[in-house]
Amino acid sequence: MTSRQVIKALKAAGWVIDRTTKHCILKRDGKTVPVPVHGAKDLPIGTLKSVERITGVKLT
């Protein structure tokens, strides 16, 4: 799953982009989650699991 797909899924779940640099920072309900942006490369499974744990959104 690419970072673009992850960001799209999180935005659909109500997360809002706060800022974008080498990581896209999303916020919701006082929580913050960074999503690394690495072009068209798939994100490592550990990164996806970490984002799932923080957000509660099922990605895999």
N, C-alpha and C. Protein backbone atom coordinates (compact mmCIF):
# COMPACT_ATOMS: atom_id res chain seq x y z
N MET A 1 0.85 -1.17 0.00
CA MET A 1 0.00 0.00 0.00
C MET A 1 0.90 1.23 0.00
N THR A 2 0.66 2.16 -0.90
CA THR A 2 1.48 3.36 -1.00
C THR A 2 1.01 4.42 -0.02
N SER A 3 1.84 5.42 0.19
CA SER A 3 1.46 6.50 1.11
C SER A 3 0.23 7.24 0.60
N ARG A 4 0.11 7.38 -0.70
CA ARG A 4 -1.06 8.06 -1.27
C ARG A 4 -2.35 7.31 -0.92
N GLN A 5 -2.31 5.98 -1.00
CA GLN A 5 -3.48 5.16 -0.66
C GLN A 5 -3.80 5.26 0.83
N VAL A 6 -2.77 5.28 1.66
CA VAL A 6 -2.97 5.39 3.11
C VAL A 6 -3.61 6.74 3.45
N ILE A 7 -3.08 7.81 2.88
CA ILE A 7 -3.61 9.15 3.14
C ILE A 7 -5.05 9.25 2.67
N LYS A 8 -5.36 8.68 1.52
CA LYS A 8 -6.73 8.70 1.00
C LYS A 8 -7.69 7.97 1.95
N ALA A 9 -7.26 6.82 2.47
CA ALA A 9 -8.09 6.04 3.40
C ALA A 9 -8.31 6.80 4.70
N LEU A 10 -7.25 7.46 5.20
CA LEU A 10 -7.37 8.21 6.45
C LEU A 10 -8.27 9.43 6.26
N LYS A 11 -8.15 10.11 5.13
CA LYS A 11 -9.01 11.27 4.87
C LYS A 11 -10.47 10.85 4.79
N ALA A 12 -10.73 9.67 4.21
CA ALA A 12 -12.10 9.15 4.14
C ALA A 12 -12.65 8.83 5.52
N ALA A 13 -11.75 8.53 6.47
CA ALA A 13 -12.15 8.21 7.85
C ALA A 13 -12.23 9.46 8.73
N GLY A 14 -12.04 10.63 8.14
CA GLY A 14 -12.20 11.87 8.90
C GLY A 14 -10.92 12.53 9.35
N TRP A 15 -9.76 12.00 9.00
CA TRP A 15 -8.49 12.61 9.36
C TRP A 15 -8.22 13.77 8.41
N VAL A 16 -7.59 14.82 8.92
CA VAL A 16 -7.34 16.04 8.16
C VAL A 16 -5.83 16.26 8.06
N ILE A 17 -5.36 16.63 6.86
CA ILE A 17 -3.94 16.91 6.67
C ILE A 17 -3.60 18.21 7.37
N ASP A 18 -2.61 18.15 8.27
CA ASP A 18 -2.15 19.33 8.99
C ASP A 18 -1.02 20.01 8.21
N ARG A 19 -0.05 19.20 7.78
CA ARG A 19 1.05 19.73 6.97
C ARG A 19 1.72 18.57 6.24
N THR A 20 2.47 18.92 5.20
CA THR A 20 3.15 17.92 4.40
C THR A 20 4.58 18.35 4.15
N THR A 21 5.52 17.49 4.47
CA THR A 21 6.94 17.67 4.14
C THR A 21 7.39 16.31 3.62
N LYS A 22 8.39 15.72 4.23
CA LYS A 22 8.76 14.34 3.88
C LYS A 22 7.79 13.35 4.49
N HIS A 23 7.02 13.83 5.47
CA HIS A 23 5.94 13.05 6.07
C HIS A 23 4.68 13.89 5.99
N CYS A 24 3.57 13.22 5.73
CA CYS A 24 2.28 13.90 5.74
C CYS A 24 1.73 13.74 7.15
N ILE A 25 1.45 14.85 7.82
CA ILE A 25 0.97 14.82 9.20
C ILE A 25 -0.55 14.99 9.17
N LEU A 26 -1.27 14.01 9.71
CA LEU A 26 -2.73 14.07 9.76
C LEU A 26 -3.18 14.17 11.21
N LYS A 27 -4.28 14.89 11.44
CA LYS A 27 -4.80 15.08 12.79
C LYS A 27 -6.30 14.79 12.84
N ARG A 28 -6.72 14.35 14.04
CA ARG A 28 -8.15 14.16 14.32
C ARG A 28 -8.32 13.93 15.81
N ASP A 29 -9.24 14.62 16.41
CA ASP A 29 -9.57 14.44 17.83
C ASP A 29 -8.35 14.52 18.74
N GLY A 30 -7.45 15.44 18.46
CA GLY A 30 -6.27 15.62 19.29
C GLY A 30 -5.15 14.62 19.05
N LYS A 31 -5.37 13.66 18.17
CA LYS A 31 -4.34 12.67 17.83
C LYS A 31 -3.62 13.12 16.56
N THR A 32 -2.35 12.77 16.47
CA THR A 32 -1.54 13.10 15.30
C THR A 32 -0.86 11.84 14.80
N VAL A 33 -0.85 11.66 13.48
CA VAL A 33 -0.17 10.51 12.89
C VAL A 33 0.67 10.97 11.70
N PRO A 34 1.96 10.62 11.70
CA PRO A 34 2.79 10.92 10.53
C PRO A 34 2.75 9.75 9.53
N VAL A 35 2.62 10.08 8.25
CA VAL A 35 2.68 9.06 7.20
C VAL A 35 3.84 9.43 6.28
N PRO A 36 4.87 8.59 6.19
CA PRO A 36 6.00 8.91 5.32
C PRO A 36 5.58 8.94 3.86
N VAL A 37 6.12 9.89 3.11
CA VAL A 37 5.80 10.01 1.68
C VAL A 37 7.05 9.61 0.90
N HIS A 38 6.96 8.47 0.20
CA HIS A 38 8.09 7.96 -0.57
C HIS A 38 7.67 7.62 -1.99
N GLY A 39 6.98 8.53 -2.63
CA GLY A 39 6.59 8.31 -4.02
C GLY A 39 5.66 7.12 -4.18
N ALA A 40 5.96 6.30 -5.18
CA ALA A 40 5.09 5.16 -5.51
C ALA A 40 5.49 3.89 -4.77
N LYS A 41 6.46 3.95 -3.87
CA LYS A 41 6.90 2.76 -3.13
C LYS A 41 5.85 2.36 -2.09
N ASP A 42 5.72 1.06 -1.89
CA ASP A 42 4.85 0.56 -0.83
C ASP A 42 5.49 0.84 0.53
N LEU A 43 4.64 1.17 1.50
CA LEU A 43 5.13 1.39 2.86
C LEU A 43 5.39 0.04 3.53
N PRO A 44 6.39 -0.04 4.38
CA PRO A 44 6.66 -1.30 5.10
C PRO A 44 5.47 -1.70 5.97
N ILE A 45 5.29 -3.00 6.17
CA ILE A 45 4.15 -3.51 6.94
C ILE A 45 4.16 -2.98 8.36
N GLY A 46 5.34 -2.81 8.96
CA GLY A 46 5.42 -2.27 10.32
C GLY A 46 4.90 -0.85 10.40
N THR A 47 5.16 -0.06 9.38
CA THR A 47 4.66 1.32 9.32
C THR A 47 3.14 1.32 9.21
N LEU A 48 2.61 0.45 8.36
CA LEU A 48 1.16 0.36 8.21
C LEU A 48 0.50 -0.05 9.53
N LYS A 49 1.08 -1.03 10.22
CA LYS A 49 0.52 -1.48 11.50
C LYS A 49 0.56 -0.36 12.53
N SER A 50 1.62 0.43 12.53
CA SER A 50 1.74 1.55 13.46
C SER A 50 0.66 2.60 13.18
N VAL A 51 0.43 2.91 11.91
CA VAL A 51 -0.61 3.86 11.54
C VAL A 51 -1.98 3.31 11.94
N GLU A 52 -2.21 2.02 11.72
CA GLU A 52 -3.47 1.39 12.13
C GLU A 52 -3.68 1.50 13.63
N ARG A 53 -2.63 1.25 14.40
CA ARG A 53 -2.72 1.29 15.86
C ARG A 53 -3.07 2.70 16.35
N ILE A 54 -2.45 3.70 15.76
CA ILE A 54 -2.69 5.08 16.18
C ILE A 54 -4.08 5.56 15.77
N THR A 55 -4.49 5.23 14.53
CA THR A 55 -5.74 5.78 13.99
C THR A 55 -6.96 4.91 14.24
N GLY A 56 -6.77 3.62 14.38
CA GLY A 56 -7.92 2.72 14.51
C GLY A 56 -8.55 2.39 13.17
N VAL A 57 -7.92 2.80 12.07
CA VAL A 57 -8.42 2.54 10.72
C VAL A 57 -7.72 1.30 10.17
N LYS A 58 -8.49 0.32 9.68
CA LYS A 58 -7.92 -0.91 9.12
C LYS A 58 -7.40 -0.62 7.72
N LEU A 59 -6.09 -0.83 7.51
CA LEU A 59 -5.46 -0.52 6.23
C LEU A 59 -5.06 -1.76 5.44
N THR A 60 -4.74 -2.86 6.11
CA THR A 60 -4.26 -4.05 5.40
C THR A 60 -5.31 -5.12 5.31
